[in-house]
Each structure stands twice: as C-alpha cells, then as structure tokens.
Amino acid sequence: MVRRSLRVRRRPRNRRRRWSPVIRTHPDDPPLTAAEAARVAWLIARMAKRGVAGDDVDQRDLQRKLDRILDGARKRADTSK
C-alpha cells in the first residue's frame, strides 16, 4: 500500500480570489460576500438587541460600522464592472 503525502495543497499565489454575491440587503445596496453578509447580520442583531433596551440607547457606532461595510462593497462592485 502506497502512502499518500499528507501535505496540504495550497492555492498558487498568482491566482486572485474571486468574490461571489451572496445576498442583497436592499435593492439599492451592492451584493455582499459571505463574510460581509455575516458581519451585517451580526450588526443588525446587535442593533435589535439595543433597540429592545429602549429608544434612548445610542446605536450610532453600529450604524457607522454597517455603513463602512456597505461602502466597501459598493466600491468593490464599482471596480469590478
């Protein structure tokens, strides 16, 4: 019986990763990658949790993070066209 190498195969460095659209949050928003979609879902859940605490709870920091993710996705979508 021939033993196979247990070496991990790695992707060549000269190949670029391609993103694939996963979800659309709004018709005006760009398509999101899986990582971006997960971060957006997490931020929305945190915003909902703070919303349960009351209307006087500040959510600007989470909104800025969400806007930053969507701006990066828009920039990526514009450069890929």
N, C-alpha and C. Protein backbone atom coordinates (compact mmCIF):
# COMPACT_ATOMS: atom_id res chain seq x y z
N MET A 1 0.84 -1.18 0.00
CA MET A 1 0.00 0.00 0.00
C MET A 1 0.89 1.24 0.00
N VAL A 2 0.62 2.13 -0.94
CA VAL A 2 1.40 3.35 -1.07
C VAL A 2 0.79 4.43 -0.20
N ARG A 3 1.63 5.06 0.57
CA ARG A 3 1.15 6.09 1.47
C ARG A 3 1.15 7.44 0.78
N ARG A 4 0.06 8.11 0.83
CA ARG A 4 -0.04 9.43 0.19
C ARG A 4 0.54 10.51 1.08
N SER A 5 0.98 11.53 0.47
CA SER A 5 1.54 12.65 1.21
C SER A 5 0.43 13.37 1.96
N LEU A 6 0.72 13.77 3.16
CA LEU A 6 -0.25 14.49 3.98
C LEU A 6 -0.09 15.99 3.85
N ARG A 7 0.68 16.39 2.87
CA ARG A 7 0.92 17.80 2.66
C ARG A 7 -0.35 18.51 2.21
N VAL A 8 -0.59 19.69 2.74
CA VAL A 8 -1.77 20.47 2.39
C VAL A 8 -1.52 21.15 1.06
N ARG A 9 -2.47 21.05 0.16
CA ARG A 9 -2.33 21.72 -1.13
C ARG A 9 -2.73 23.18 -0.97
N ARG A 10 -1.90 24.04 -1.45
CA ARG A 10 -2.18 25.47 -1.34
C ARG A 10 -2.44 26.05 -2.71
N ARG A 11 -3.21 27.11 -2.71
CA ARG A 11 -3.53 27.82 -3.93
C ARG A 11 -2.31 28.60 -4.38
N PRO A 12 -2.01 28.59 -5.67
CA PRO A 12 -0.87 29.39 -6.14
C PRO A 12 -1.07 30.87 -5.83
N ARG A 13 0.00 31.55 -5.53
CA ARG A 13 -0.10 32.96 -5.12
C ARG A 13 -0.53 33.89 -6.23
N ASN A 14 -0.30 33.51 -7.46
CA ASN A 14 -0.62 34.42 -8.55
C ASN A 14 -2.10 34.41 -8.92
N ARG A 15 -2.88 33.53 -8.36
CA ARG A 15 -4.31 33.49 -8.65
C ARG A 15 -5.07 34.35 -7.64
N ARG A 16 -5.93 35.20 -8.15
CA ARG A 16 -6.70 36.07 -7.27
C ARG A 16 -7.97 35.39 -6.83
N ARG A 17 -8.38 35.68 -5.63
CA ARG A 17 -9.67 35.17 -5.15
C ARG A 17 -10.78 35.97 -5.79
N ARG A 18 -11.83 35.29 -6.13
CA ARG A 18 -12.99 35.98 -6.69
C ARG A 18 -14.11 35.97 -5.68
N TRP A 19 -14.80 37.06 -5.58
CA TRP A 19 -15.92 37.13 -4.65
C TRP A 19 -17.18 36.71 -5.38
N SER A 20 -18.09 36.19 -4.62
CA SER A 20 -19.37 35.81 -5.21
C SER A 20 -20.48 36.47 -4.42
N PRO A 21 -21.42 37.09 -5.11
CA PRO A 21 -22.51 37.74 -4.39
C PRO A 21 -23.35 36.72 -3.63
N VAL A 22 -23.72 37.07 -2.43
CA VAL A 22 -24.49 36.16 -1.60
C VAL A 22 -25.90 36.69 -1.39
N ILE A 23 -26.00 37.88 -0.83
CA ILE A 23 -27.32 38.44 -0.54
C ILE A 23 -27.35 39.89 -0.96
N ARG A 24 -28.54 40.39 -1.09
CA ARG A 24 -28.75 41.82 -1.28
C ARG A 24 -29.58 42.29 -0.09
N THR A 25 -29.07 43.30 0.61
CA THR A 25 -29.79 43.80 1.78
C THR A 25 -30.93 44.73 1.37
N HIS A 26 -30.75 45.44 0.27
CA HIS A 26 -31.74 46.38 -0.22
C HIS A 26 -31.50 46.51 -1.72
N PRO A 27 -32.53 46.80 -2.52
CA PRO A 27 -32.29 46.91 -3.97
C PRO A 27 -31.23 47.94 -4.36
N ASP A 28 -31.03 48.95 -3.53
CA ASP A 28 -30.02 49.98 -3.83
C ASP A 28 -28.62 49.58 -3.37
N ASP A 29 -28.51 48.55 -2.53
CA ASP A 29 -27.22 48.16 -1.98
C ASP A 29 -26.53 47.15 -2.88
N PRO A 30 -25.19 47.09 -2.82
CA PRO A 30 -24.44 46.16 -3.67
C PRO A 30 -24.53 44.74 -3.13
N PRO A 31 -24.16 43.75 -3.95
CA PRO A 31 -24.11 42.37 -3.46
C PRO A 31 -22.99 42.22 -2.42
N LEU A 32 -23.21 41.39 -1.42
CA LEU A 32 -22.26 41.20 -0.33
C LEU A 32 -21.60 39.83 -0.42
N THR A 33 -20.35 39.77 0.03
CA THR A 33 -19.68 38.47 0.13
C THR A 33 -20.22 37.76 1.36
N ALA A 34 -19.84 36.51 1.54
CA ALA A 34 -20.32 35.73 2.69
C ALA A 34 -19.85 36.36 4.00
N ALA A 35 -18.61 36.82 4.04
CA ALA A 35 -18.09 37.44 5.27
C ALA A 35 -18.82 38.74 5.57
N GLU A 36 -19.06 39.54 4.54
CA GLU A 36 -19.78 40.80 4.75
C GLU A 36 -21.22 40.54 5.19
N ALA A 37 -21.85 39.53 4.59
CA ALA A 37 -23.23 39.21 4.97
C ALA A 37 -23.31 38.77 6.42
N ALA A 38 -22.32 38.00 6.87
CA ALA A 38 -22.30 37.56 8.26
C ALA A 38 -22.10 38.74 9.20
N ARG A 39 -21.19 39.66 8.85
CA ARG A 39 -20.98 40.83 9.70
C ARG A 39 -22.21 41.72 9.75
N VAL A 40 -22.88 41.89 8.60
CA VAL A 40 -24.09 42.70 8.56
C VAL A 40 -25.17 42.07 9.42
N ALA A 41 -25.34 40.76 9.33
CA ALA A 41 -26.35 40.08 10.15
C ALA A 41 -26.04 40.24 11.64
N TRP A 42 -24.75 40.13 11.99
CA TRP A 42 -24.35 40.28 13.39
C TRP A 42 -24.63 41.70 13.89
N LEU A 43 -24.30 42.69 13.06
CA LEU A 43 -24.54 44.08 13.48
C LEU A 43 -26.02 44.39 13.61
N ILE A 44 -26.83 43.86 12.70
CA ILE A 44 -28.27 44.09 12.78
C ILE A 44 -28.85 43.44 14.03
N ALA A 45 -28.34 42.24 14.38
CA ALA A 45 -28.80 41.58 15.61
C ALA A 45 -28.42 42.40 16.84
N ARG A 46 -27.20 42.96 16.85
CA ARG A 46 -26.80 43.80 17.97
C ARG A 46 -27.64 45.06 18.06
N MET A 47 -27.98 45.63 16.89
CA MET A 47 -28.82 46.82 16.88
C MET A 47 -30.21 46.49 17.41
N ALA A 48 -30.72 45.32 17.06
CA ALA A 48 -32.04 44.92 17.55
C ALA A 48 -32.01 44.72 19.07
N LYS A 49 -30.92 44.14 19.54
CA LYS A 49 -30.80 43.93 20.98
C LYS A 49 -30.76 45.27 21.73
N ARG A 50 -30.04 46.22 21.17
CA ARG A 50 -30.02 47.55 21.79
C ARG A 50 -31.37 48.23 21.66
N GLY A 51 -32.08 47.96 20.59
CA GLY A 51 -33.41 48.55 20.41
C GLY A 51 -34.39 48.06 21.45
N VAL A 52 -34.22 46.82 21.89
CA VAL A 52 -35.08 46.26 22.93
C VAL A 52 -34.83 46.99 24.25
N ALA A 53 -33.60 47.46 24.45
CA ALA A 53 -33.25 48.14 25.69
C ALA A 53 -33.98 49.47 25.83
N GLY A 54 -34.37 50.07 24.71
CA GLY A 54 -35.09 51.33 24.78
C GLY A 54 -34.73 52.25 23.63
N ASP A 55 -35.55 53.28 23.46
CA ASP A 55 -35.33 54.21 22.36
C ASP A 55 -34.20 55.19 22.63
N ASP A 56 -33.82 55.37 23.89
CA ASP A 56 -32.78 56.33 24.22
C ASP A 56 -31.37 55.74 24.13
N VAL A 57 -31.23 54.49 23.71
CA VAL A 57 -29.92 53.84 23.59
C VAL A 57 -29.27 54.26 22.27
N ASP A 58 -28.00 54.65 22.33
CA ASP A 58 -27.28 55.14 21.16
C ASP A 58 -26.80 53.97 20.30
N GLN A 59 -27.10 54.03 19.00
CA GLN A 59 -26.70 52.97 18.08
C GLN A 59 -25.82 53.52 16.95
N ARG A 60 -25.32 54.73 17.10
CA ARG A 60 -24.54 55.35 16.02
C ARG A 60 -23.27 54.58 15.69
N ASP A 61 -22.62 53.98 16.70
CA ASP A 61 -21.39 53.25 16.43
C ASP A 61 -21.66 52.03 15.55
N LEU A 62 -22.75 51.32 15.79
CA LEU A 62 -23.09 50.17 14.97
C LEU A 62 -23.51 50.60 13.57
N GLN A 63 -24.21 51.71 13.48
CA GLN A 63 -24.62 52.21 12.17
C GLN A 63 -23.41 52.62 11.33
N ARG A 64 -22.40 53.21 11.96
CA ARG A 64 -21.17 53.57 11.24
C ARG A 64 -20.46 52.34 10.72
N LYS A 65 -20.40 51.28 11.54
CA LYS A 65 -19.76 50.03 11.09
C LYS A 65 -20.51 49.44 9.91
N LEU A 66 -21.83 49.46 9.97
CA LEU A 66 -22.65 48.94 8.88
C LEU A 66 -22.45 49.76 7.61
N ASP A 67 -22.41 51.07 7.75
CA ASP A 67 -22.17 51.94 6.58
C ASP A 67 -20.81 51.70 5.97
N ARG A 68 -19.80 51.45 6.82
CA ARG A 68 -18.44 51.20 6.33
C ARG A 68 -18.39 49.90 5.51
N ILE A 69 -19.10 48.87 5.96
CA ILE A 69 -19.14 47.60 5.23
C ILE A 69 -19.83 47.79 3.88
N LEU A 70 -20.96 48.50 3.88
CA LEU A 70 -21.70 48.72 2.63
C LEU A 70 -20.92 49.61 1.67
N ASP A 71 -20.17 50.60 2.19
CA ASP A 71 -19.36 51.44 1.32
C ASP A 71 -18.24 50.64 0.65
N GLY A 72 -17.63 49.74 1.41
CA GLY A 72 -16.59 48.89 0.83
C GLY A 72 -17.15 47.96 -0.24
N ALA A 73 -18.36 47.45 -0.02
CA ALA A 73 -18.99 46.57 -1.01
C ALA A 73 -19.35 47.37 -2.26
N ARG A 74 -19.81 48.60 -2.09
CA ARG A 74 -20.13 49.45 -3.25
C ARG A 74 -18.87 49.73 -4.07
N LYS A 75 -17.77 50.04 -3.38
CA LYS A 75 -16.53 50.34 -4.08
C LYS A 75 -16.04 49.11 -4.85
N ARG A 76 -16.14 47.94 -4.24
CA ARG A 76 -15.73 46.72 -4.91
C ARG A 76 -16.62 46.42 -6.11
N ALA A 77 -17.92 46.65 -5.98
CA ALA A 77 -18.85 46.41 -7.08
C ALA A 77 -18.58 47.38 -8.24
N ASP A 78 -18.22 48.62 -7.93
CA ASP A 78 -17.93 49.60 -8.98
C ASP A 78 -16.64 49.27 -9.74
N THR A 79 -15.64 48.79 -9.01
CA THR A 79 -14.37 48.48 -9.68
C THR A 79 -14.45 47.19 -10.48
N SER A 80 -15.40 46.31 -10.16
CA SER A 80 -15.49 45.05 -10.89
C SER A 80 -16.25 45.18 -12.19
N LYS A 81 -16.95 46.30 -12.39
CA LYS A 81 -17.74 46.48 -13.61
C LYS A 81 -16.91 46.89 -14.77
